[in-house]
Amino acid sequence: MMKLIDISSKINWKFICVVFIIAVLAGGGVWWFGKTQEKRLIQEIQQLAESQITVHTSTPTSSINTSGWQTYRNEEYGFEVRYPDDFVSEEYPPGLRSGEEFGIKFHDQKWTTGHYPVLTISVIHTDLAPYDWVKAYREPISQVPSGEPAVGHRNLQEILFNGRNAAKVEFISVSDMTSTTIIQGDLERVYRIDAISSGWGDFPQDIYQQILSTFRFVE
């Protein structure tokens, strides 16, 4: 008679259990490592994003004496700004830019006619945030086809201006270059502050920064 062999007696169940436990632990370790790396990656992305946002406060950026400066205040659009005593201010008809509701320019009183350097503040109606408004308003210079004039924007940066969302950018055109700060206002408005340099000369950057540092919203 053929002798039956008990196969179960040949299997080392203890070894199989050990291998199974090791596999489970290894799988758990891989999962834990993956979750840890994912969390670390998310933290690094958040830190990188935060590092790209510059905080701008109204602290003066130079040693220019502003004690004798004039103050322009607009109750309708809720802002005020100070400017040098040898500058003049002049409101201009809105509509120069799409959605523009109000515009005013400041310049050295020595300039009376022509395409001279000037600082402008315009109030623009839009439901876009400053950074998104810039991208919708004009293409970056990097996308201008080869052989065509390099016009558009460059160095676009998202910032905070006294706790408000804002954007900092440079606009380049055929005739001038503009250093611009766009600040989020209320009631679907952004406030665009431009220092426009022309072929007649550059608008002084130190004065631009000083004027910018005095800009504030009022009730």
N, C-alpha and C. Protein backbone atom coordinates (compact mmCIF):
# COMPACT_ATOMS: atom_id res chain seq x y z
N MET A 1 0.84 -1.19 0.00
CA MET A 1 0.00 0.00 0.00
C MET A 1 0.89 1.24 0.00
N MET A 2 0.43 2.29 -0.82
CA MET A 2 1.23 3.53 -0.92
C MET A 2 1.09 4.32 0.37
N LYS A 3 2.22 4.81 0.86
CA LYS A 3 2.25 5.58 2.09
C LYS A 3 2.01 7.05 1.81
N LEU A 4 0.98 7.63 2.48
CA LEU A 4 0.68 9.05 2.29
C LEU A 4 1.66 9.91 3.07
N ILE A 5 2.06 10.98 2.44
CA ILE A 5 3.04 11.88 3.07
C ILE A 5 2.31 13.10 3.59
N ASP A 6 2.51 13.44 4.82
CA ASP A 6 1.90 14.64 5.42
C ASP A 6 2.71 15.86 4.99
N ILE A 7 2.16 16.56 3.95
CA ILE A 7 2.91 17.70 3.39
C ILE A 7 3.06 18.82 4.41
N SER A 8 2.03 18.97 5.24
CA SER A 8 2.06 20.06 6.22
C SER A 8 3.23 19.93 7.17
N SER A 9 3.68 18.72 7.38
CA SER A 9 4.82 18.54 8.29
C SER A 9 6.11 19.00 7.67
N LYS A 10 6.10 19.14 6.32
CA LYS A 10 7.32 19.56 5.63
C LYS A 10 7.46 21.09 5.57
N ILE A 11 6.33 21.81 5.86
CA ILE A 11 6.36 23.27 5.73
C ILE A 11 6.76 23.90 7.06
N ASN A 12 7.70 24.81 6.96
CA ASN A 12 8.16 25.50 8.16
C ASN A 12 7.27 26.71 8.37
N TRP A 13 6.18 26.51 9.10
CA TRP A 13 5.22 27.58 9.32
C TRP A 13 5.82 28.73 10.12
N LYS A 14 6.72 28.43 10.99
CA LYS A 14 7.36 29.50 11.78
C LYS A 14 8.13 30.43 10.85
N PHE A 15 8.84 29.87 9.87
CA PHE A 15 9.61 30.69 8.92
C PHE A 15 8.69 31.56 8.10
N ILE A 16 7.56 30.96 7.66
CA ILE A 16 6.61 31.72 6.84
C ILE A 16 6.03 32.89 7.63
N CYS A 17 5.72 32.63 8.90
CA CYS A 17 5.17 33.70 9.75
C CYS A 17 6.16 34.84 9.92
N VAL A 18 7.44 34.49 10.10
CA VAL A 18 8.48 35.50 10.26
C VAL A 18 8.60 36.34 8.99
N VAL A 19 8.60 35.64 7.82
CA VAL A 19 8.69 36.36 6.54
C VAL A 19 7.49 37.28 6.35
N PHE A 20 6.30 36.78 6.73
CA PHE A 20 5.09 37.60 6.59
C PHE A 20 5.15 38.85 7.45
N ILE A 21 5.61 38.68 8.69
CA ILE A 21 5.72 39.82 9.60
C ILE A 21 6.72 40.85 9.08
N ILE A 22 7.84 40.35 8.56
CA ILE A 22 8.86 41.25 8.01
C ILE A 22 8.30 42.03 6.83
N ALA A 23 7.54 41.33 5.98
CA ALA A 23 6.94 41.98 4.82
C ALA A 23 5.97 43.07 5.24
N VAL A 24 5.15 42.78 6.26
CA VAL A 24 4.19 43.77 6.74
C VAL A 24 4.91 44.98 7.30
N LEU A 25 5.94 44.71 8.11
CA LEU A 25 6.70 45.82 8.71
C LEU A 25 7.40 46.65 7.63
N ALA A 26 7.95 45.94 6.62
CA ALA A 26 8.64 46.66 5.55
C ALA A 26 7.66 47.52 4.77
N GLY A 27 6.48 46.97 4.49
CA GLY A 27 5.47 47.74 3.78
C GLY A 27 5.03 48.95 4.57
N GLY A 28 4.85 48.75 5.89
CA GLY A 28 4.48 49.87 6.74
C GLY A 28 5.56 50.93 6.79
N GLY A 29 6.80 50.46 6.79
CA GLY A 29 7.93 51.40 6.80
C GLY A 29 7.98 52.23 5.53
N VAL A 30 7.76 51.58 4.39
CA VAL A 30 7.74 52.29 3.12
C VAL A 30 6.62 53.32 3.10
N TRP A 31 5.44 52.94 3.60
CA TRP A 31 4.29 53.86 3.64
C TRP A 31 4.59 55.05 4.54
N TRP A 32 5.15 54.78 5.72
CA TRP A 32 5.49 55.86 6.66
C TRP A 32 6.54 56.78 6.07
N PHE A 33 7.55 56.20 5.40
CA PHE A 33 8.60 57.02 4.79
C PHE A 33 8.02 57.90 3.70
N GLY A 34 7.10 57.30 2.90
CA GLY A 34 6.48 58.06 1.83
C GLY A 34 5.66 59.22 2.36
N LYS A 35 4.88 58.99 3.44
CA LYS A 35 4.08 60.06 4.02
C LYS A 35 4.97 61.15 4.61
N THR A 36 6.08 60.73 5.23
CA THR A 36 7.01 61.70 5.82
C THR A 36 7.61 62.58 4.73
N GLN A 37 8.03 61.95 3.61
CA GLN A 37 8.62 62.70 2.51
C GLN A 37 7.59 63.64 1.89
N GLU A 38 6.34 63.17 1.79
CA GLU A 38 5.28 64.00 1.23
C GLU A 38 5.06 65.23 2.10
N LYS A 39 5.01 65.03 3.42
CA LYS A 39 4.81 66.15 4.34
C LYS A 39 5.96 67.14 4.24
N ARG A 40 7.19 66.61 4.15
CA ARG A 40 8.36 67.47 4.05
C ARG A 40 8.34 68.26 2.76
N LEU A 41 7.93 67.61 1.65
CA LEU A 41 7.87 68.29 0.37
C LEU A 41 6.85 69.41 0.39
N ILE A 42 5.68 69.16 1.01
CA ILE A 42 4.65 70.19 1.12
C ILE A 42 5.17 71.39 1.91
N GLN A 43 5.89 71.12 3.01
CA GLN A 43 6.44 72.20 3.82
C GLN A 43 7.46 73.01 3.03
N GLU A 44 8.30 72.33 2.23
CA GLU A 44 9.30 73.04 1.44
C GLU A 44 8.65 73.92 0.38
N ILE A 45 7.55 73.41 -0.25
CA ILE A 45 6.85 74.20 -1.25
C ILE A 45 6.23 75.43 -0.61
N GLN A 46 5.63 75.26 0.59
CA GLN A 46 5.03 76.40 1.28
C GLN A 46 6.07 77.44 1.65
N GLN A 47 7.24 76.97 2.13
CA GLN A 47 8.31 77.89 2.50
C GLN A 47 8.83 78.64 1.28
N LEU A 48 8.93 77.92 0.14
CA LEU A 48 9.39 78.56 -1.09
C LEU A 48 8.41 79.62 -1.55
N ALA A 49 7.11 79.30 -1.47
CA ALA A 49 6.08 80.26 -1.88
C ALA A 49 6.12 81.49 -1.00
N GLU A 50 6.27 81.29 0.32
CA GLU A 50 6.32 82.42 1.24
C GLU A 50 7.54 83.29 0.99
N SER A 51 8.65 82.64 0.56
CA SER A 51 9.87 83.40 0.33
C SER A 51 9.76 84.30 -0.90
N GLN A 52 8.77 84.02 -1.78
CA GLN A 52 8.60 84.83 -2.97
C GLN A 52 7.75 86.07 -2.72
N ILE A 53 7.13 86.17 -1.55
CA ILE A 53 6.28 87.31 -1.24
C ILE A 53 7.08 88.33 -0.41
N THR A 54 7.26 89.49 -0.96
CA THR A 54 7.99 90.54 -0.28
C THR A 54 7.01 91.41 0.50
N VAL A 55 7.37 91.73 1.71
CA VAL A 55 6.52 92.59 2.53
C VAL A 55 7.02 94.02 2.43
N HIS A 56 6.16 94.91 1.97
CA HIS A 56 6.51 96.32 1.85
C HIS A 56 5.76 97.09 2.92
N THR A 57 6.47 97.87 3.70
CA THR A 57 5.84 98.71 4.71
C THR A 57 6.03 100.16 4.32
N SER A 58 5.42 101.05 5.07
CA SER A 58 5.51 102.47 4.73
C SER A 58 6.71 103.14 5.37
N THR A 59 7.70 102.37 5.77
CA THR A 59 8.92 102.96 6.33
C THR A 59 9.71 103.63 5.22
N PRO A 60 10.13 104.90 5.39
CA PRO A 60 10.89 105.58 4.36
C PRO A 60 12.13 104.79 3.97
N THR A 61 12.47 104.82 2.66
CA THR A 61 13.57 104.01 2.16
C THR A 61 14.82 104.82 1.89
N SER A 62 14.82 106.11 2.18
CA SER A 62 16.02 106.91 1.97
C SER A 62 16.05 108.02 3.01
N SER A 63 17.10 108.83 2.93
CA SER A 63 17.27 109.91 3.91
C SER A 63 16.72 111.24 3.41
N ILE A 64 15.86 111.21 2.40
CA ILE A 64 15.26 112.44 1.87
C ILE A 64 14.43 113.11 2.95
N ASN A 65 14.60 114.39 3.11
CA ASN A 65 13.84 115.15 4.09
C ASN A 65 12.43 115.43 3.55
N THR A 66 11.44 114.86 4.19
CA THR A 66 10.05 115.00 3.72
C THR A 66 9.24 115.97 4.59
N SER A 67 9.89 116.67 5.48
CA SER A 67 9.16 117.54 6.42
C SER A 67 8.38 118.64 5.72
N GLY A 68 8.87 119.11 4.56
CA GLY A 68 8.18 120.18 3.85
C GLY A 68 7.32 119.70 2.71
N TRP A 69 7.09 118.40 2.62
CA TRP A 69 6.33 117.86 1.50
C TRP A 69 4.85 118.23 1.60
N GLN A 70 4.21 118.28 0.44
CA GLN A 70 2.78 118.53 0.38
C GLN A 70 2.01 117.20 0.52
N THR A 71 0.75 117.31 0.86
CA THR A 71 -0.10 116.12 1.00
C THR A 71 -1.28 116.22 0.05
N TYR A 72 -1.45 115.17 -0.73
CA TYR A 72 -2.64 115.08 -1.58
C TYR A 72 -3.58 114.06 -0.94
N ARG A 73 -4.84 114.42 -0.77
CA ARG A 73 -5.82 113.52 -0.15
C ARG A 73 -7.07 113.48 -1.03
N ASN A 74 -7.55 112.27 -1.29
CA ASN A 74 -8.74 112.10 -2.11
C ASN A 74 -9.78 111.33 -1.30
N GLU A 75 -10.82 112.03 -0.90
CA GLU A 75 -11.86 111.43 -0.07
C GLU A 75 -12.72 110.45 -0.87
N GLU A 76 -12.96 110.76 -2.13
CA GLU A 76 -13.83 109.91 -2.94
C GLU A 76 -13.25 108.52 -3.14
N TYR A 77 -11.95 108.46 -3.39
CA TYR A 77 -11.31 107.16 -3.64
C TYR A 77 -10.50 106.66 -2.45
N GLY A 78 -10.55 107.41 -1.36
CA GLY A 78 -10.04 106.92 -0.09
C GLY A 78 -8.55 106.70 0.02
N PHE A 79 -7.73 107.66 -0.41
CA PHE A 79 -6.28 107.52 -0.23
C PHE A 79 -5.64 108.88 -0.09
N GLU A 80 -4.44 108.86 0.44
CA GLU A 80 -3.64 110.08 0.47
C GLU A 80 -2.17 109.71 0.23
N VAL A 81 -1.41 110.71 -0.22
CA VAL A 81 0.00 110.50 -0.52
C VAL A 81 0.71 111.84 -0.37
N ARG A 82 1.97 111.80 -0.03
CA ARG A 82 2.76 113.02 0.08
C ARG A 82 3.74 113.09 -1.08
N TYR A 83 4.11 114.34 -1.46
CA TYR A 83 5.01 114.51 -2.59
C TYR A 83 5.85 115.76 -2.37
N PRO A 84 7.01 115.88 -3.04
CA PRO A 84 7.94 116.98 -2.79
C PRO A 84 7.31 118.36 -2.99
N ASP A 85 7.80 119.33 -2.24
CA ASP A 85 7.23 120.68 -2.29
C ASP A 85 7.49 121.37 -3.62
N ASP A 86 8.49 120.89 -4.39
CA ASP A 86 8.75 121.50 -5.70
C ASP A 86 8.09 120.70 -6.83
N PHE A 87 7.17 119.81 -6.46
CA PHE A 87 6.37 119.08 -7.44
C PHE A 87 4.99 119.73 -7.55
N VAL A 88 4.34 119.48 -8.68
CA VAL A 88 2.95 119.90 -8.86
C VAL A 88 2.10 118.66 -9.12
N SER A 89 0.83 118.75 -8.75
CA SER A 89 -0.10 117.65 -9.00
C SER A 89 -1.17 118.11 -9.97
N GLU A 90 -1.66 117.17 -10.78
CA GLU A 90 -2.66 117.53 -11.78
C GLU A 90 -3.49 116.29 -12.11
N GLU A 91 -4.79 116.37 -11.88
CA GLU A 91 -5.67 115.28 -12.24
C GLU A 91 -5.83 115.26 -13.76
N TYR A 92 -5.96 114.06 -14.31
CA TYR A 92 -6.16 113.95 -15.76
C TYR A 92 -7.42 113.12 -16.03
N PRO A 93 -8.02 113.27 -17.19
CA PRO A 93 -9.27 112.54 -17.50
C PRO A 93 -9.02 111.04 -17.47
N PRO A 94 -9.85 110.25 -16.79
CA PRO A 94 -9.67 108.80 -16.74
C PRO A 94 -9.96 108.16 -18.09
N GLY A 95 -9.54 106.94 -18.23
CA GLY A 95 -9.78 106.20 -19.46
C GLY A 95 -8.52 105.85 -20.21
N LEU A 96 -7.36 106.31 -19.71
CA LEU A 96 -6.09 106.00 -20.36
C LEU A 96 -5.86 104.48 -20.37
N ARG A 97 -6.27 103.82 -19.30
CA ARG A 97 -6.15 102.37 -19.19
C ARG A 97 -7.54 101.77 -19.04
N SER A 98 -7.70 100.55 -19.44
CA SER A 98 -8.99 99.87 -19.35
C SER A 98 -9.47 99.83 -17.90
N GLY A 99 -10.69 100.29 -17.66
CA GLY A 99 -11.26 100.26 -16.32
C GLY A 99 -10.84 101.40 -15.43
N GLU A 100 -10.06 102.33 -15.93
CA GLU A 100 -9.57 103.44 -15.11
C GLU A 100 -10.71 104.38 -14.73
N GLU A 101 -10.85 104.64 -13.43
CA GLU A 101 -11.89 105.54 -12.92
C GLU A 101 -11.35 106.91 -12.57
N PHE A 102 -10.07 106.96 -12.22
CA PHE A 102 -9.49 108.22 -11.74
C PHE A 102 -8.00 108.19 -12.00
N GLY A 103 -7.43 109.39 -12.30
CA GLY A 103 -6.00 109.47 -12.49
C GLY A 103 -5.45 110.82 -12.07
N ILE A 104 -4.25 110.82 -11.49
CA ILE A 104 -3.57 112.05 -11.10
C ILE A 104 -2.08 111.86 -11.34
N LYS A 105 -1.40 112.93 -11.73
CA LYS A 105 0.03 112.85 -11.96
C LYS A 105 0.77 113.88 -11.12
N PHE A 106 2.00 113.54 -10.77
CA PHE A 106 2.88 114.41 -9.98
C PHE A 106 4.20 114.53 -10.74
N HIS A 107 4.72 115.75 -10.84
CA HIS A 107 5.99 115.91 -11.54
C HIS A 107 6.70 117.16 -11.06
N ASP A 108 7.97 117.23 -11.34
CA ASP A 108 8.77 118.40 -10.99
C ASP A 108 8.20 119.61 -11.72
N GLN A 109 8.09 120.73 -11.00
CA GLN A 109 7.48 121.92 -11.58
C GLN A 109 8.27 122.52 -12.75
N LYS A 110 9.50 122.07 -12.91
CA LYS A 110 10.29 122.58 -14.04
C LYS A 110 9.77 122.06 -15.37
N TRP A 111 9.02 120.94 -15.33
CA TRP A 111 8.46 120.39 -16.55
C TRP A 111 7.07 120.99 -16.78
N THR A 112 6.88 121.56 -17.95
CA THR A 112 5.57 122.16 -18.26
C THR A 112 4.92 121.55 -19.49
N THR A 113 5.72 121.17 -20.45
CA THR A 113 5.20 120.54 -21.66
C THR A 113 6.12 119.40 -22.08
N GLY A 114 5.59 118.53 -22.93
CA GLY A 114 6.40 117.46 -23.47
C GLY A 114 6.23 116.14 -22.72
N HIS A 115 7.01 115.17 -23.14
CA HIS A 115 6.93 113.82 -22.57
C HIS A 115 7.98 113.70 -21.45
N TYR A 116 7.70 114.31 -20.32
CA TYR A 116 8.66 114.40 -19.23
C TYR A 116 8.43 113.27 -18.21
N PRO A 117 9.41 113.02 -17.32
CA PRO A 117 9.25 112.00 -16.27
C PRO A 117 8.12 112.40 -15.32
N VAL A 118 7.33 111.43 -14.90
CA VAL A 118 6.16 111.74 -14.09
C VAL A 118 5.78 110.54 -13.23
N LEU A 119 5.15 110.83 -12.11
CA LEU A 119 4.58 109.77 -11.27
C LEU A 119 3.06 109.89 -11.37
N THR A 120 2.41 108.79 -11.63
CA THR A 120 0.95 108.79 -11.73
C THR A 120 0.34 107.80 -10.74
N ILE A 121 -0.85 108.13 -10.28
CA ILE A 121 -1.66 107.22 -9.47
C ILE A 121 -3.00 107.09 -10.16
N SER A 122 -3.36 105.87 -10.49
CA SER A 122 -4.65 105.65 -11.15
C SER A 122 -5.45 104.61 -10.38
N VAL A 123 -6.75 104.81 -10.35
CA VAL A 123 -7.68 103.89 -9.69
C VAL A 123 -8.40 103.12 -10.79
N ILE A 124 -8.29 101.80 -10.73
CA ILE A 124 -8.80 100.95 -11.80
C ILE A 124 -9.85 99.99 -11.25
N HIS A 125 -10.98 99.95 -11.92
CA HIS A 125 -12.05 99.02 -11.51
C HIS A 125 -11.79 97.66 -12.14
N THR A 126 -11.66 96.64 -11.31
CA THR A 126 -11.42 95.28 -11.79
C THR A 126 -11.73 94.29 -10.68
N ASP A 127 -12.14 93.08 -11.06
CA ASP A 127 -12.35 92.04 -10.06
C ASP A 127 -11.13 91.14 -9.94
N LEU A 128 -10.04 91.52 -10.62
CA LEU A 128 -8.80 90.75 -10.56
C LEU A 128 -7.89 91.26 -9.45
N ALA A 129 -7.12 90.36 -8.86
CA ALA A 129 -6.09 90.76 -7.91
C ALA A 129 -4.95 91.43 -8.67
N PRO A 130 -4.13 92.26 -8.00
CA PRO A 130 -3.07 92.99 -8.71
C PRO A 130 -2.18 92.12 -9.59
N TYR A 131 -1.72 91.00 -9.06
CA TYR A 131 -0.83 90.12 -9.82
C TYR A 131 -1.52 89.60 -11.08
N ASP A 132 -2.77 89.17 -10.94
CA ASP A 132 -3.52 88.65 -12.08
C ASP A 132 -3.87 89.77 -13.07
N TRP A 133 -4.11 90.98 -12.55
CA TRP A 133 -4.41 92.10 -13.43
C TRP A 133 -3.24 92.39 -14.36
N VAL A 134 -2.03 92.36 -13.84
CA VAL A 134 -0.85 92.61 -14.67
C VAL A 134 -0.76 91.59 -15.80
N LYS A 135 -0.96 90.32 -15.46
CA LYS A 135 -0.86 89.27 -16.49
C LYS A 135 -1.94 89.41 -17.55
N ALA A 136 -3.12 89.90 -17.16
CA ALA A 136 -4.20 90.09 -18.12
C ALA A 136 -4.01 91.37 -18.93
N TYR A 137 -3.32 92.35 -18.35
CA TYR A 137 -3.17 93.66 -18.97
C TYR A 137 -2.16 93.65 -20.11
N ARG A 138 -1.04 92.97 -19.91
CA ARG A 138 0.01 92.99 -20.92
C ARG A 138 0.86 91.72 -20.85
N GLU A 139 1.35 91.28 -22.01
CA GLU A 139 2.18 90.07 -22.07
C GLU A 139 3.57 90.36 -21.52
N PRO A 140 4.22 89.34 -20.96
CA PRO A 140 5.62 89.52 -20.54
C PRO A 140 6.54 89.68 -21.74
N ILE A 141 7.62 90.40 -21.54
CA ILE A 141 8.58 90.64 -22.62
C ILE A 141 9.11 89.32 -23.19
N SER A 142 9.25 88.32 -22.34
CA SER A 142 9.81 87.04 -22.77
C SER A 142 8.97 86.38 -23.86
N GLN A 143 7.70 86.77 -24.02
CA GLN A 143 6.83 86.17 -25.03
C GLN A 143 6.70 87.00 -26.29
N VAL A 144 7.46 88.09 -26.38
CA VAL A 144 7.42 88.92 -27.57
C VAL A 144 8.16 88.20 -28.70
N PRO A 145 7.55 88.04 -29.86
CA PRO A 145 8.21 87.35 -30.98
C PRO A 145 9.52 88.02 -31.36
N SER A 146 10.46 87.21 -31.79
CA SER A 146 11.77 87.73 -32.19
C SER A 146 11.63 88.70 -33.35
N GLY A 147 12.36 89.80 -33.28
CA GLY A 147 12.32 90.81 -34.33
C GLY A 147 11.34 91.93 -34.08
N GLU A 148 10.44 91.75 -33.11
CA GLU A 148 9.49 92.80 -32.77
C GLU A 148 9.99 93.61 -31.58
N PRO A 149 9.50 94.85 -31.41
CA PRO A 149 9.95 95.68 -30.26
C PRO A 149 9.68 94.98 -28.93
N ALA A 150 10.64 95.07 -28.04
CA ALA A 150 10.52 94.42 -26.72
C ALA A 150 9.62 95.26 -25.83
N VAL A 151 8.32 95.08 -25.99
CA VAL A 151 7.36 95.80 -25.15
C VAL A 151 6.58 94.78 -24.33
N GLY A 152 6.19 95.20 -23.14
CA GLY A 152 5.46 94.29 -22.25
C GLY A 152 5.90 94.51 -20.83
N HIS A 153 5.75 93.49 -20.00
CA HIS A 153 6.17 93.62 -18.60
C HIS A 153 7.29 92.64 -18.27
N ARG A 154 8.02 92.97 -17.21
CA ARG A 154 9.09 92.10 -16.75
C ARG A 154 9.22 92.25 -15.24
N ASN A 155 9.90 91.29 -14.63
CA ASN A 155 10.17 91.30 -13.19
C ASN A 155 8.89 91.41 -12.36
N LEU A 156 7.86 90.71 -12.78
CA LEU A 156 6.60 90.70 -12.04
C LEU A 156 6.78 89.93 -10.73
N GLN A 157 6.36 90.55 -9.64
CA GLN A 157 6.53 89.94 -8.32
C GLN A 157 5.30 90.22 -7.46
N GLU A 158 4.81 89.19 -6.79
CA GLU A 158 3.69 89.36 -5.86
C GLU A 158 4.23 89.80 -4.51
N ILE A 159 3.66 90.86 -3.94
CA ILE A 159 4.15 91.39 -2.67
C ILE A 159 2.98 91.70 -1.74
N LEU A 160 3.32 92.08 -0.53
CA LEU A 160 2.35 92.63 0.40
C LEU A 160 2.73 94.09 0.65
N PHE A 161 1.76 94.97 0.54
CA PHE A 161 1.99 96.39 0.78
C PHE A 161 1.14 96.79 1.99
N ASN A 162 1.81 96.98 3.12
CA ASN A 162 1.09 97.31 4.36
C ASN A 162 -0.08 96.36 4.62
N GLY A 163 0.18 95.08 4.43
CA GLY A 163 -0.82 94.06 4.72
C GLY A 163 -1.80 93.77 3.60
N ARG A 164 -1.71 94.50 2.50
CA ARG A 164 -2.62 94.28 1.37
C ARG A 164 -1.89 93.56 0.24
N ASN A 165 -2.64 92.74 -0.50
CA ASN A 165 -2.07 92.10 -1.68
C ASN A 165 -1.66 93.17 -2.68
N ALA A 166 -0.51 92.96 -3.30
CA ALA A 166 -0.01 93.94 -4.26
C ALA A 166 0.91 93.23 -5.25
N ALA A 167 1.30 93.96 -6.27
CA ALA A 167 2.24 93.43 -7.26
C ALA A 167 3.24 94.53 -7.62
N LYS A 168 4.45 94.10 -7.88
CA LYS A 168 5.51 95.01 -8.29
C LYS A 168 5.99 94.54 -9.66
N VAL A 169 6.13 95.49 -10.61
CA VAL A 169 6.45 95.10 -11.98
C VAL A 169 7.07 96.27 -12.72
N GLU A 170 7.71 95.98 -13.84
CA GLU A 170 8.21 97.01 -14.74
C GLU A 170 7.51 96.85 -16.09
N PHE A 171 7.00 97.96 -16.63
CA PHE A 171 6.40 97.96 -17.96
C PHE A 171 7.36 98.65 -18.93
N ILE A 172 7.57 98.02 -20.06
CA ILE A 172 8.45 98.57 -21.09
C ILE A 172 7.63 98.87 -22.33
N SER A 173 7.77 100.09 -22.85
CA SER A 173 7.12 100.46 -24.11
C SER A 173 8.17 101.02 -25.05
N VAL A 174 7.74 101.41 -26.23
CA VAL A 174 8.69 101.93 -27.21
C VAL A 174 9.33 103.23 -26.72
N SER A 175 8.55 104.05 -26.01
CA SER A 175 9.02 105.40 -25.65
C SER A 175 9.43 105.57 -24.19
N ASP A 176 9.07 104.63 -23.31
CA ASP A 176 9.41 104.84 -21.91
C ASP A 176 9.44 103.52 -21.14
N MET A 177 9.90 103.62 -19.88
CA MET A 177 9.91 102.50 -18.97
C MET A 177 9.23 102.93 -17.68
N THR A 178 8.44 102.04 -17.09
CA THR A 178 7.67 102.38 -15.91
C THR A 178 7.92 101.40 -14.78
N SER A 179 8.26 101.92 -13.62
CA SER A 179 8.32 101.12 -12.39
C SER A 179 6.96 101.24 -11.72
N THR A 180 6.32 100.11 -11.48
CA THR A 180 4.92 100.12 -11.06
C THR A 180 4.69 99.28 -9.82
N THR A 181 3.85 99.82 -8.93
CA THR A 181 3.33 99.06 -7.79
C THR A 181 1.81 99.14 -7.86
N ILE A 182 1.16 97.99 -7.81
CA ILE A 182 -0.31 97.93 -7.89
C ILE A 182 -0.82 97.33 -6.59
N ILE A 183 -1.70 98.06 -5.92
CA ILE A 183 -2.16 97.69 -4.58
C ILE A 183 -3.64 97.36 -4.60
N GLN A 184 -4.01 96.30 -3.90
CA GLN A 184 -5.42 95.91 -3.81
C GLN A 184 -6.19 96.90 -2.95
N GLY A 185 -7.27 97.44 -3.52
CA GLY A 185 -8.13 98.33 -2.77
C GLY A 185 -9.43 97.64 -2.40
N ASP A 186 -10.45 98.41 -2.13
CA ASP A 186 -11.77 97.89 -1.82
C ASP A 186 -12.70 98.11 -3.01
N LEU A 187 -13.88 97.51 -2.95
CA LEU A 187 -14.92 97.71 -3.96
C LEU A 187 -14.42 97.38 -5.37
N GLU A 188 -13.70 96.26 -5.50
CA GLU A 188 -13.19 95.81 -6.80
C GLU A 188 -12.35 96.89 -7.48
N ARG A 189 -11.40 97.42 -6.73
CA ARG A 189 -10.49 98.42 -7.26
C ARG A 189 -9.05 98.05 -6.96
N VAL A 190 -8.16 98.41 -7.88
CA VAL A 190 -6.73 98.36 -7.60
C VAL A 190 -6.18 99.77 -7.82
N TYR A 191 -5.11 100.08 -7.09
CA TYR A 191 -4.48 101.40 -7.16
C TYR A 191 -3.09 101.20 -7.77
N ARG A 192 -2.92 101.80 -8.93
CA ARG A 192 -1.67 101.64 -9.68
C ARG A 192 -0.82 102.90 -9.53
N ILE A 193 0.40 102.73 -9.04
CA ILE A 193 1.32 103.85 -8.83
C ILE A 193 2.52 103.65 -9.75
N ASP A 194 2.70 104.55 -10.69
CA ASP A 194 3.73 104.44 -11.73
C ASP A 194 4.77 105.54 -11.62
N ALA A 195 6.03 105.17 -11.72
CA ALA A 195 7.10 106.14 -11.93
C ALA A 195 7.55 105.97 -13.37
N ILE A 196 7.21 106.94 -14.22
CA ILE A 196 7.41 106.80 -15.65
C ILE A 196 8.65 107.60 -16.08
N SER A 197 9.61 106.88 -16.63
CA SER A 197 10.80 107.51 -17.19
C SER A 197 10.65 107.62 -18.70
N SER A 198 11.14 108.69 -19.27
CA SER A 198 10.98 108.92 -20.70
C SER A 198 12.32 109.30 -21.32
N GLY A 199 12.27 109.63 -22.60
CA GLY A 199 13.48 110.06 -23.28
C GLY A 199 14.03 111.36 -22.74
N TRP A 200 13.20 112.08 -21.99
CA TRP A 200 13.64 113.34 -21.39
C TRP A 200 14.37 113.14 -20.07
N GLY A 201 14.33 111.93 -19.55
CA GLY A 201 15.01 111.66 -18.28
C GLY A 201 14.28 110.59 -17.48
N ASP A 202 14.95 110.11 -16.46
CA ASP A 202 14.37 109.09 -15.59
C ASP A 202 13.69 109.74 -14.38
N PHE A 203 12.59 109.16 -13.98
CA PHE A 203 11.99 109.63 -12.73
C PHE A 203 12.86 109.10 -11.59
N PRO A 204 13.33 109.95 -10.68
CA PRO A 204 14.25 109.51 -9.61
C PRO A 204 13.66 108.39 -8.77
N GLN A 205 14.37 107.27 -8.73
CA GLN A 205 13.84 106.11 -8.01
C GLN A 205 13.78 106.34 -6.51
N ASP A 206 14.70 107.13 -5.97
CA ASP A 206 14.65 107.37 -4.53
C ASP A 206 13.39 108.18 -4.17
N ILE A 207 13.04 109.15 -5.01
CA ILE A 207 11.83 109.94 -4.75
C ILE A 207 10.59 109.07 -4.95
N TYR A 208 10.62 108.21 -5.97
CA TYR A 208 9.50 107.29 -6.19
C TYR A 208 9.26 106.42 -4.97
N GLN A 209 10.32 105.84 -4.45
CA GLN A 209 10.19 104.97 -3.28
C GLN A 209 9.72 105.75 -2.06
N GLN A 210 10.17 106.98 -1.93
CA GLN A 210 9.76 107.80 -0.79
C GLN A 210 8.29 108.18 -0.89
N ILE A 211 7.85 108.57 -2.09
CA ILE A 211 6.44 108.87 -2.28
C ILE A 211 5.59 107.63 -2.02
N LEU A 212 6.05 106.50 -2.56
CA LEU A 212 5.34 105.24 -2.38
C LEU A 212 5.19 104.90 -0.91
N SER A 213 6.22 105.19 -0.12
CA SER A 213 6.17 104.87 1.30
C SER A 213 5.14 105.70 2.07
N THR A 214 4.70 106.83 1.47
CA THR A 214 3.71 107.70 2.16
C THR A 214 2.28 107.38 1.73
N PHE A 215 2.13 106.54 0.73
CA PHE A 215 0.78 106.22 0.25
C PHE A 215 0.04 105.41 1.32
N ARG A 216 -1.20 105.82 1.57
CA ARG A 216 -2.01 105.06 2.54
C ARG A 216 -3.49 105.26 2.23
N PHE A 217 -4.28 104.28 2.66
CA PHE A 217 -5.72 104.37 2.49
C PHE A 217 -6.31 105.11 3.69
N VAL A 218 -7.37 105.87 3.43
CA VAL A 218 -8.02 106.64 4.47
C VAL A 218 -9.51 106.34 4.44
N GLU A 219 -10.15 106.55 5.58
CA GLU A 219 -11.60 106.31 5.68
C GLU A 219 -12.39 107.45 5.03
